[in-house]
Amino acid sequence: MPDTYVPRQKPKQQRGAPCTVEHFAAKYNLDADEAARLYARFGPSEMELDILMAAKGKTPQPQNHAR
């Protein structure tokens, strides 16, 4: 038995369809660096990113968001 206990981390379950960082940046009119930072931290789930942006008080830009 090892001397130190290291808890096993479960992979985060993705909710919703994935989107690209470019789609996310365009949807919320973010610069590339900010979009990439949030995307890396919170993952590719469009649903999760929408929840995050709603919590920040940001709304999607009214334009066609083709994937």
C-alpha atoms as a PDB file:
ATOM      1  CA  MET A   1       0.000   0.000   0.000  1.00  0.00           C
ATOM      2  CA  PRO A   2       1.431   3.413  -0.917  1.00  0.00           C
ATOM      3  CA  ASP A   3       2.386   5.907   1.767  1.00  0.00           C
ATOM      4  CA  THR A   4       0.200   8.666   0.355  1.00  0.00           C
ATOM      5  CA  TYR A   5      -3.373   8.463  -0.820  1.00  0.00           C
ATOM      6  CA  VAL A   6      -4.093  10.013  -4.194  1.00  0.00           C
ATOM      7  CA  PRO A   7      -7.806  10.086  -5.030  1.00  0.00           C
ATOM      8  CA  ARG A   8      -8.718   8.930  -8.504  1.00  0.00           C
ATOM      9  CA  GLN A   9     -10.300  11.695 -10.515  1.00  0.00           C
ATOM     10  CA  LYS A  10     -13.227  10.867 -12.739  1.00  0.00           C
ATOM     11  CA  PRO A  11     -13.205  12.396 -16.199  1.00  0.00           C
ATOM     12  CA  LYS A  12     -15.668  15.250 -16.504  1.00  0.00           C
ATOM     13  CA  GLN A  13     -18.809  14.153 -18.295  1.00  0.00           C
ATOM     14  CA  GLN A  14     -19.608  16.334 -21.277  1.00  0.00           C
ATOM     15  CA  ARG A  15     -23.143  17.661 -21.504  1.00  0.00           C
ATOM     16  CA  GLY A  16     -24.523  18.687 -24.858  1.00  0.00           C
ATOM     17  CA  ALA A  17     -22.986  18.783 -28.292  1.00  0.00           C
ATOM     18  CA  PRO A  18     -19.386  19.928 -28.713  1.00  0.00           C
ATOM     19  CA  CYS A  19     -18.604  23.154 -30.528  1.00  0.00           C
ATOM     20  CA  THR A  20     -15.399  24.620 -31.880  1.00  0.00           C
ATOM     21  CA  VAL A  21     -13.531  27.453 -30.223  1.00  0.00           C
ATOM     22  CA  GLU A  22     -14.130  29.531 -33.375  1.00  0.00           C
ATOM     23  CA  HIS A  23     -17.893  28.965 -33.119  1.00  0.00           C
ATOM     24  CA  PHE A  24     -17.822  29.893 -29.423  1.00  0.00           C
ATOM     25  CA  ALA A  25     -15.820  33.075 -30.095  1.00  0.00           C
ATOM     26  CA  ALA A  26     -18.158  34.160 -32.893  1.00  0.00           C
ATOM     27  CA  LYS A  27     -21.300  33.327 -30.915  1.00  0.00           C
ATOM     28  CA  TYR A  28     -20.304  35.594 -28.024  1.00  0.00           C
ATOM     29  CA  ASN A  29     -18.149  38.105 -29.940  1.00  0.00           C
ATOM     30  CA  LEU A  30     -15.021  37.170 -27.955  1.00  0.00           C
ATOM     31  CA  ASP A  31     -11.444  37.750 -29.003  1.00  0.00           C
ATOM     32  CA  ALA A  32      -9.504  34.589 -29.851  1.00  0.00           C
ATOM     33  CA  ASP A  33      -7.396  34.565 -26.661  1.00  0.00           C
ATOM     34  CA  GLU A  34     -10.368  34.921 -24.300  1.00  0.00           C
ATOM     35  CA  ALA A  35     -12.387  32.296 -26.174  1.00  0.00           C
ATOM     36  CA  ALA A  36      -9.444  29.865 -26.142  1.00  0.00           C
ATOM     37  CA  ARG A  37      -8.865  30.405 -22.406  1.00  0.00           C
ATOM     38  CA  LEU A  38     -12.515  29.738 -21.512  1.00  0.00           C
ATOM     39  CA  TYR A  39     -12.741  26.821 -23.947  1.00  0.00           C
ATOM     40  CA  ALA A  40      -9.635  25.193 -22.445  1.00  0.00           C
ATOM     41  CA  ARG A  41     -10.888  25.671 -18.904  1.00  0.00           C
ATOM     42  CA  PHE A  42     -14.529  24.667 -19.343  1.00  0.00           C
ATOM     43  CA  GLY A  43     -14.382  22.275 -22.285  1.00  0.00           C
ATOM     44  CA  PRO A  44     -16.014  21.984 -25.682  1.00  0.00           C
ATOM     45  CA  SER A  45     -19.611  21.431 -24.520  1.00  0.00           C
ATOM     46  CA  GLU A  46     -21.775  24.116 -26.095  1.00  0.00           C
ATOM     47  CA  MET A  47     -24.287  23.717 -23.267  1.00  0.00           C
ATOM     48  CA  GLU A  48     -21.632  24.225 -20.577  1.00  0.00           C
ATOM     49  CA  LEU A  49     -20.201  27.256 -22.380  1.00  0.00           C
ATOM     50  CA  ASP A  50     -23.697  28.752 -22.761  1.00  0.00           C
ATOM     51  CA  ILE A  51     -24.319  28.268 -19.021  1.00  0.00           C
ATOM     52  CA  LEU A  52     -20.980  29.910 -18.239  1.00  0.00           C
ATOM     53  CA  MET A  53     -21.688  32.906 -20.437  1.00  0.00           C
ATOM     54  CA  ALA A  54     -25.216  33.287 -19.025  1.00  0.00           C
ATOM     55  CA  ALA A  55     -23.700  33.373 -15.521  1.00  0.00           C
ATOM     56  CA  LYS A  56     -21.387  36.147 -16.737  1.00  0.00           C
ATOM     57  CA  GLY A  57     -24.416  38.051 -18.076  1.00  0.00           C
ATOM     58  CA  LYS A  58     -23.363  37.603 -21.719  1.00  0.00           C
ATOM     59  CA  THR A  59     -25.882  36.831 -24.444  1.00  0.00           C
ATOM     60  CA  PRO A  60     -25.202  35.298 -27.845  1.00  0.00           C
ATOM     61  CA  GLN A  61     -24.804  37.704 -30.738  1.00  0.00           C
ATOM     62  CA  PRO A  62     -27.814  37.766 -33.109  1.00  0.00           C
ATOM     63  CA  GLN A  63     -26.239  36.193 -36.185  1.00  0.00           C
ATOM     64  CA  ASN A  64     -26.148  32.869 -37.978  1.00  0.00           C
ATOM     65  CA  HIS A  65     -23.790  30.530 -36.102  1.00  0.00           C
ATOM     66  CA  ALA A  66     -22.962  27.831 -38.643  1.00  0.00           C
ATOM     67  CA  ARG A  67     -20.774  25.042 -37.279  1.00  0.00           C
END
